[in-house]
Amino acid sequence: MHLNSEQIQALNLKQRIHLINSITGIKPANLIGSIDSQGQTNLAVFSSVVHLGSDPALVGFVLRPPGHVPRHTYDNIKEMGSYTINHVHPEFAQQAHLSSYKFDKNESEFTQCGLQEEFLPDFPAPFVKESNIKYGLHFVEEIPIKQNNTRLMIGEVQEIILNIIPQTPDGGLDLELSKSLGISGLNSYYKFNLIDTYEQPSAENLTRFLSN
């Protein structure tokens, strides 16, 4: 199949949304937790979380700003300056997906979707208790993307919680053993399988890599 730009635009909206969301491959499934000044918590599933740097530890995600549809995550982050990002696992994947429903402002997705809030002292935003890999961030910057009026929200990691997750020899996390999930399209969830862990390419091992 080959589609040019005119054929892509000719697709019905639902088809186009699913196709374009799928061609980028599997993205990490994350729940973003936030809270407003009145103590009302919010939780929403996102597949746009991306690593932006390690020193300082910056993580970004993309969302649409408030408009005709309320954006509770955006409002809470702008108001309070703190939020959490929580990995999704098979045991609560369906509950996580339900958080994409547009609940009212006074309805917490934690309660409505059957997930538990978890708090740390001196950090206001709620974590997802069921998640084994989660981290709290301080909001530092938003970058407008003019082409489609979305925003890249950037936060600096302040807190990390790892629940019995084995680290790899290089200090990373084994995402297969953690059972963290990914998303393709809008509603298809995938597991990860580790193929291998390769050495950093160098002049010394380049020939050996190519001969395998």
C-alpha atoms as a PDB file:
ATOM      1  CA  MET A   1       0.000   0.000   0.000  1.00  0.00           C
ATOM      2  CA  HIS A   2       1.172   3.509  -0.829  1.00  0.00           C
ATOM      3  CA  LEU A   3      -0.716   6.617   0.286  1.00  0.00           C
ATOM      4  CA  ASN A   4       0.244  10.118  -0.798  1.00  0.00           C
ATOM      5  CA  SER A   5      -0.710  13.270   1.112  1.00  0.00           C
ATOM      6  CA  GLU A   6      -3.984  13.719  -0.787  1.00  0.00           C
ATOM      7  CA  GLN A   7      -5.025  10.126  -0.110  1.00  0.00           C
ATOM      8  CA  ILE A   8      -4.142  10.481   3.568  1.00  0.00           C
ATOM      9  CA  GLN A   9      -6.324  13.583   3.838  1.00  0.00           C
ATOM     10  CA  ALA A  10      -9.135  11.767   2.007  1.00  0.00           C
ATOM     11  CA  LEU A  11      -9.371   9.110   4.721  1.00  0.00           C
ATOM     12  CA  ASN A  12     -12.239   9.533   7.125  1.00  0.00           C
ATOM     13  CA  LEU A  13     -11.161  11.209  10.354  1.00  0.00           C
ATOM     14  CA  LYS A  14     -11.282   8.092  12.524  1.00  0.00           C
ATOM     15  CA  GLN A  15      -9.193   6.070  10.051  1.00  0.00           C
ATOM     16  CA  ARG A  16      -6.648   8.861   9.730  1.00  0.00           C
ATOM     17  CA  ILE A  17      -6.300   9.275  13.500  1.00  0.00           C
ATOM     18  CA  HIS A  18      -5.681   5.559  14.026  1.00  0.00           C
ATOM     19  CA  LEU A  19      -3.268   5.293  11.085  1.00  0.00           C
ATOM     20  CA  ILE A  20      -1.112   8.288  11.993  1.00  0.00           C
ATOM     21  CA  ASN A  21      -1.058   7.247  15.646  1.00  0.00           C
ATOM     22  CA  SER A  22       0.132   3.782  14.579  1.00  0.00           C
ATOM     23  CA  ILE A  23       2.855   4.565  12.026  1.00  0.00           C
ATOM     24  CA  THR A  24       5.091   6.015  14.746  1.00  0.00           C
ATOM     25  CA  GLY A  25       5.210   2.584  16.403  1.00  0.00           C
ATOM     26  CA  ILE A  26       4.654   1.526  19.989  1.00  0.00           C
ATOM     27  CA  LYS A  27       4.863   4.335  22.533  1.00  0.00           C
ATOM     28  CA  PRO A  28       5.094   3.939  26.326  1.00  0.00           C
ATOM     29  CA  ALA A  29       1.755   3.810  28.138  1.00  0.00           C
ATOM     30  CA  ASN A  30       1.735   6.202  31.087  1.00  0.00           C
ATOM     31  CA  LEU A  31      -0.775   7.615  33.523  1.00  0.00           C
ATOM     32  CA  ILE A  32      -0.214  11.258  34.448  1.00  0.00           C
ATOM     33  CA  GLY A  33      -1.457  12.185  37.900  1.00  0.00           C
ATOM     34  CA  SER A  34      -2.171  15.747  39.007  1.00  0.00           C
ATOM     35  CA  ILE A  35      -4.051  17.707  41.655  1.00  0.00           C
ATOM     36  CA  ASP A  36      -5.586  21.183  41.936  1.00  0.00           C
ATOM     37  CA  SER A  37      -5.410  23.677  44.799  1.00  0.00           C
ATOM     38  CA  GLN A  38      -8.663  22.314  46.245  1.00  0.00           C
ATOM     39  CA  GLY A  39      -7.245  18.796  46.520  1.00  0.00           C
ATOM     40  CA  GLN A  40      -9.189  17.379  43.556  1.00  0.00           C
ATOM     41  CA  THR A  41      -7.071  14.696  41.880  1.00  0.00           C
ATOM     42  CA  ASN A  42      -6.942  13.859  38.189  1.00  0.00           C
ATOM     43  CA  LEU A  43      -5.509  10.958  36.195  1.00  0.00           C
ATOM     44  CA  ALA A  44      -5.154  10.576  32.429  1.00  0.00           C
ATOM     45  CA  VAL A  45      -3.481   8.072  30.109  1.00  0.00           C
ATOM     46  CA  PHE A  46      -0.873   9.415  27.665  1.00  0.00           C
ATOM     47  CA  SER A  47       1.284   7.808  24.966  1.00  0.00           C
ATOM     48  CA  SER A  48       3.434  10.854  24.172  1.00  0.00           C
ATOM     49  CA  VAL A  49       5.918  10.796  27.075  1.00  0.00           C
ATOM     50  CA  VAL A  50       9.509  11.258  25.864  1.00  0.00           C
ATOM     51  CA  HIS A  51      12.971  11.491  27.451  1.00  0.00           C
ATOM     52  CA  LEU A  52      14.555  14.903  26.800  1.00  0.00           C
ATOM     53  CA  GLY A  53      17.774  14.720  28.820  1.00  0.00           C
ATOM     54  CA  SER A  54      19.433  13.232  31.889  1.00  0.00           C
ATOM     55  CA  ASP A  55      21.355  16.208  33.317  1.00  0.00           C
ATOM     56  CA  PRO A  56      19.089  17.822  34.266  1.00  0.00           C
ATOM     57  CA  ALA A  57      16.584  14.957  34.170  1.00  0.00           C
ATOM     58  CA  LEU A  58      13.942  16.280  31.773  1.00  0.00           C
ATOM     59  CA  VAL A  59      10.868  14.449  30.476  1.00  0.00           C
ATOM     60  CA  GLY A  60       8.259  15.839  28.109  1.00  0.00           C
ATOM     61  CA  PHE A  61       4.796  14.953  26.889  1.00  0.00           C
ATOM     62  CA  VAL A  62       2.393  16.453  24.371  1.00  0.00           C
ATOM     63  CA  LEU A  63      -1.151  17.617  25.063  1.00  0.00           C
ATOM     64  CA  ARG A  64      -3.744  19.985  23.729  1.00  0.00           C
ATOM     65  CA  PRO A  65      -4.338  23.146  25.782  1.00  0.00           C
ATOM     66  CA  PRO A  66      -7.774  24.135  27.136  1.00  0.00           C
ATOM     67  CA  GLY A  67     -10.319  25.110  24.532  1.00  0.00           C
ATOM     68  CA  HIS A  68     -13.777  23.774  23.840  1.00  0.00           C
ATOM     69  CA  VAL A  69     -12.851  20.627  25.791  1.00  0.00           C
ATOM     70  CA  PRO A  70     -11.597  20.977  29.400  1.00  0.00           C
ATOM     71  CA  ARG A  71      -7.992  19.868  29.918  1.00  0.00           C
ATOM     72  CA  HIS A  72      -7.780  19.074  33.615  1.00  0.00           C
ATOM     73  CA  THR A  73      -4.211  17.759  33.403  1.00  0.00           C
ATOM     74  CA  TYR A  74      -2.996  20.972  31.775  1.00  0.00           C
ATOM     75  CA  ASP A  75      -4.889  23.212  34.193  1.00  0.00           C
ATOM     76  CA  ASN A  76      -3.611  21.355  37.254  1.00  0.00           C
ATOM     77  CA  ILE A  77       0.012  21.356  36.106  1.00  0.00           C
ATOM     78  CA  LYS A  78      -0.105  25.077  35.357  1.00  0.00           C
ATOM     79  CA  GLU A  79      -1.751  25.808  38.702  1.00  0.00           C
ATOM     80  CA  MET A  80       0.277  23.545  40.994  1.00  0.00           C
ATOM     81  CA  GLY A  81       3.533  22.997  39.097  1.00  0.00           C
ATOM     82  CA  SER A  82       3.833  19.314  40.024  1.00  0.00           C
ATOM     83  CA  TYR A  83       2.639  16.055  38.472  1.00  0.00           C
ATOM     84  CA  THR A  84       3.494  12.365  38.299  1.00  0.00           C
ATOM     85  CA  ILE A  85       4.103   9.892  35.483  1.00  0.00           C
ATOM     86  CA  ASN A  86       3.245   6.248  36.184  1.00  0.00           C
ATOM     87  CA  HIS A  87       3.903   3.156  34.048  1.00  0.00           C
ATOM     88  CA  VAL A  88       0.903   1.021  33.093  1.00  0.00           C
ATOM     89  CA  HIS A  89       0.978  -2.761  33.701  1.00  0.00           C
ATOM     90  CA  PRO A  90      -1.317  -5.579  32.484  1.00  0.00           C
ATOM     91  CA  GLU A  91      -3.049  -5.903  35.848  1.00  0.00           C
ATOM     92  CA  PHE A  92      -4.701  -2.500  35.462  1.00  0.00           C
ATOM     93  CA  ALA A  93      -4.439  -1.746  31.734  1.00  0.00           C
ATOM     94  CA  GLN A  94      -8.207  -1.575  31.261  1.00  0.00           C
ATOM     95  CA  GLN A  95      -8.638   0.776  34.217  1.00  0.00           C
ATOM     96  CA  ALA A  96      -5.852   2.949  32.831  1.00  0.00           C
ATOM     97  CA  HIS A  97      -7.538   3.114  29.436  1.00  0.00           C
ATOM     98  CA  LEU A  98     -10.826   4.152  31.052  1.00  0.00           C
ATOM     99  CA  SER A  99      -9.116   7.315  32.294  1.00  0.00           C
ATOM    100  CA  SER A 100      -9.297   8.643  28.717  1.00  0.00           C
ATOM    101  CA  TYR A 101     -13.036   9.202  29.259  1.00  0.00           C
ATOM    102  CA  LYS A 102     -13.952  12.863  29.805  1.00  0.00           C
ATOM    103  CA  PHE A 103     -14.976  12.826  33.453  1.00  0.00           C
ATOM    104  CA  ASP A 104     -16.262  15.981  35.124  1.00  0.00           C
ATOM    105  CA  LYS A 105     -13.817  18.181  37.009  1.00  0.00           C
ATOM    106  CA  ASN A 106     -15.208  17.061  40.384  1.00  0.00           C
ATOM    107  CA  GLU A 107     -14.844  13.357  39.505  1.00  0.00           C
ATOM    108  CA  SER A 108     -11.440  11.831  40.186  1.00  0.00           C
ATOM    109  CA  GLU A 109     -10.329   9.263  37.625  1.00  0.00           C
ATOM    110  CA  PHE A 110      -8.641   7.398  40.475  1.00  0.00           C
ATOM    111  CA  THR A 111     -12.043   6.709  42.014  1.00  0.00           C
ATOM    112  CA  GLN A 112     -13.965   6.330  38.761  1.00  0.00           C
ATOM    113  CA  CYS A 113     -11.427   3.893  37.254  1.00  0.00           C
ATOM    114  CA  GLY A 114     -10.718   1.859  40.385  1.00  0.00           C
ATOM    115  CA  LEU A 115      -7.107   2.937  40.986  1.00  0.00           C
ATOM    116  CA  GLN A 116      -5.484   4.021  44.244  1.00  0.00           C
ATOM    117  CA  GLU A 117      -3.794   7.328  45.023  1.00  0.00           C
ATOM    118  CA  GLU A 118      -0.355   7.312  46.636  1.00  0.00           C
ATOM    119  CA  PHE A 119       1.332  10.405  48.083  1.00  0.00           C
ATOM    120  CA  LEU A 120       4.845  11.259  49.210  1.00  0.00           C
ATOM    121  CA  PRO A 121       5.583  13.759  51.980  1.00  0.00           C
ATOM    122  CA  ASP A 122       6.319  17.229  50.568  1.00  0.00           C
ATOM    123  CA  PHE A 123       5.214  16.280  47.045  1.00  0.00           C
ATOM    124  CA  PRO A 124       1.616  17.316  46.274  1.00  0.00           C
ATOM    125  CA  ALA A 125       0.734  15.329  43.141  1.00  0.00           C
ATOM    126  CA  PRO A 126      -0.707  11.799  43.413  1.00  0.00           C
ATOM    127  CA  PHE A 127       1.097   8.686  42.214  1.00  0.00           C
ATOM    128  CA  VAL A 128      -0.691   5.498  41.083  1.00  0.00           C
ATOM    129  CA  LYS A 129      -0.179   2.983  43.874  1.00  0.00           C
ATOM    130  CA  GLU A 130      -0.525   0.001  41.509  1.00  0.00           C
ATOM    131  CA  SER A 131       2.308   1.196  39.253  1.00  0.00           C
ATOM    132  CA  ASN A 132       5.781  -0.298  39.780  1.00  0.00           C
ATOM    133  CA  ILE A 133       7.691   2.492  38.026  1.00  0.00           C
ATOM    134  CA  LYS A 134       6.657   6.070  38.726  1.00  0.00           C
ATOM    135  CA  TYR A 135       8.215   9.480  39.119  1.00  0.00           C
ATOM    136  CA  GLY A 136       7.252  12.960  40.210  1.00  0.00           C
ATOM    137  CA  LEU A 137       8.112  16.053  38.216  1.00  0.00           C
ATOM    138  CA  HIS A 138       8.288  19.808  38.637  1.00  0.00           C
ATOM    139  CA  PHE A 139       6.915  21.684  35.621  1.00  0.00           C
ATOM    140  CA  VAL A 140       9.587  23.858  33.991  1.00  0.00           C
ATOM    141  CA  GLU A 141       8.422  24.865  30.515  1.00  0.00           C
ATOM    142  CA  GLU A 142       5.788  24.523  27.808  1.00  0.00           C
ATOM    143  CA  ILE A 143       6.583  24.874  24.133  1.00  0.00           C
ATOM    144  CA  PRO A 144       3.692  25.645  21.753  1.00  0.00           C
ATOM    145  CA  ILE A 145       3.530  23.653  18.525  1.00  0.00           C
ATOM    146  CA  LYS A 146       1.841  26.080  16.156  1.00  0.00           C
ATOM    147  CA  GLN A 147       0.962  23.611  13.393  1.00  0.00           C
ATOM    148  CA  ASN A 148      -1.745  21.885  15.455  1.00  0.00           C
ATOM    149  CA  ASN A 149      -1.995  24.030  18.602  1.00  0.00           C
ATOM    150  CA  THR A 150      -0.553  21.362  20.892  1.00  0.00           C
ATOM    151  CA  ARG A 151       1.939  21.935  23.708  1.00  0.00           C
ATOM    152  CA  LEU A 152       5.120  20.114  24.650  1.00  0.00           C
ATOM    153  CA  MET A 153       5.050  20.109  28.446  1.00  0.00           C
ATOM    154  CA  ILE A 154       8.495  19.720  30.022  1.00  0.00           C
ATOM    155  CA  GLY A 155       9.170  18.684  33.602  1.00  0.00           C
ATOM    156  CA  GLU A 156      12.242  17.966  35.705  1.00  0.00           C
ATOM    157  CA  VAL A 157      12.238  14.680  37.606  1.00  0.00           C
ATOM    158  CA  GLN A 158      12.176  15.226  41.385  1.00  0.00           C
ATOM    159  CA  GLU A 159      11.160  11.841  42.807  1.00  0.00           C
ATOM    160  CA  ILE A 160      11.505   8.251  41.536  1.00  0.00           C
ATOM    161  CA  ILE A 161       9.700   5.224  43.005  1.00  0.00           C
ATOM    162  CA  LEU A 162      10.709   1.709  41.874  1.00  0.00           C
ATOM    163  CA  ASN A 163       8.784  -1.228  43.315  1.00  0.00           C
ATOM    164  CA  ILE A 164      10.868  -4.416  43.093  1.00  0.00           C
ATOM    165  CA  ILE A 165      12.080  -3.677  39.566  1.00  0.00           C
ATOM    166  CA  PRO A 166      15.461  -5.231  38.668  1.00  0.00           C
ATOM    167  CA  GLN A 167      17.987  -2.787  37.281  1.00  0.00           C
ATOM    168  CA  THR A 168      20.187  -3.762  34.358  1.00  0.00           C
ATOM    169  CA  PRO A 169      24.000  -3.864  34.797  1.00  0.00           C
ATOM    170  CA  ASP A 170      24.281  -0.415  33.211  1.00  0.00           C
ATOM    171  CA  GLY A 171      21.805   1.110  35.668  1.00  0.00           C
ATOM    172  CA  GLY A 172      18.709   1.047  33.458  1.00  0.00           C
ATOM    173  CA  LEU A 173      15.451  -0.806  34.085  1.00  0.00           C
ATOM    174  CA  ASP A 174      14.334  -4.144  32.662  1.00  0.00           C
ATOM    175  CA  LEU A 175      11.025  -3.132  31.100  1.00  0.00           C
ATOM    176  CA  GLU A 176      10.158  -6.711  30.175  1.00  0.00           C
ATOM    177  CA  LEU A 177      10.390  -7.900  33.779  1.00  0.00           C
ATOM    178  CA  SER A 178       8.588  -4.770  34.958  1.00  0.00           C
ATOM    179  CA  LYS A 179       5.679  -5.659  32.638  1.00  0.00           C
ATOM    180  CA  SER A 180       5.414  -2.057  31.495  1.00  0.00           C
ATOM    181  CA  LEU A 181       3.055  -1.638  28.533  1.00  0.00           C
ATOM    182  CA  GLY A 182       3.057   0.332  25.301  1.00  0.00           C
ATOM    183  CA  ILE A 183       0.313   1.813  23.133  1.00  0.00           C
ATOM    184  CA  SER A 184      -0.165   1.858  19.371  1.00  0.00           C
ATOM    185  CA  GLY A 185      -2.952   3.862  17.806  1.00  0.00           C
ATOM    186  CA  LEU A 186      -5.493   5.047  20.343  1.00  0.00           C
ATOM    187  CA  ASN A 187      -6.492   1.872  22.133  1.00  0.00           C
ATOM    188  CA  SER A 188      -4.160  -1.076  21.428  1.00  0.00           C
ATOM    189  CA  TYR A 189      -1.874  -2.095  24.304  1.00  0.00           C
ATOM    190  CA  TYR A 190       1.329  -4.122  23.870  1.00  0.00           C
ATOM    191  CA  LYS A 191       3.822  -5.974  26.066  1.00  0.00           C
ATOM    192  CA  PHE A 192       7.591  -5.578  25.636  1.00  0.00           C
ATOM    193  CA  ASN A 193      10.034  -8.427  24.940  1.00  0.00           C
ATOM    194  CA  LEU A 194      13.768  -7.818  25.281  1.00  0.00           C
ATOM    195  CA  ILE A 195      15.665  -8.972  22.167  1.00  0.00           C
ATOM    196  CA  ASP A 196      19.201  -8.224  23.345  1.00  0.00           C
ATOM    197  CA  THR A 197      21.368  -5.567  24.977  1.00  0.00           C
ATOM    198  CA  TYR A 198      24.095  -4.393  22.611  1.00  0.00           C
ATOM    199  CA  GLU A 199      27.461  -2.796  23.287  1.00  0.00           C
ATOM    200  CA  GLN A 200      28.004   0.864  22.473  1.00  0.00           C
ATOM    201  CA  PRO A 201      29.286   0.886  18.850  1.00  0.00           C
ATOM    202  CA  SER A 202      32.953   1.831  18.502  1.00  0.00           C
ATOM    203  CA  ALA A 203      35.711   1.597  15.917  1.00  0.00           C
ATOM    204  CA  GLU A 204      36.990  -1.490  17.701  1.00  0.00           C
ATOM    205  CA  ASN A 205      33.786  -3.507  17.567  1.00  0.00           C
ATOM    206  CA  LEU A 206      32.215  -2.181  14.343  1.00  0.00           C
ATOM    207  CA  THR A 207      33.625  -5.002  12.185  1.00  0.00           C
ATOM    208  CA  ARG A 208      32.477  -7.621  14.670  1.00  0.00           C
ATOM    209  CA  PHE A 209      28.963  -6.149  14.709  1.00  0.00           C
ATOM    210  CA  LEU A 210      28.687  -6.226  10.915  1.00  0.00           C
ATOM    211  CA  SER A 211      29.979  -9.786  10.634  1.00  0.00           C
ATOM    212  CA  ASN A 212      27.313 -11.219  12.963  1.00  0.00           C
END
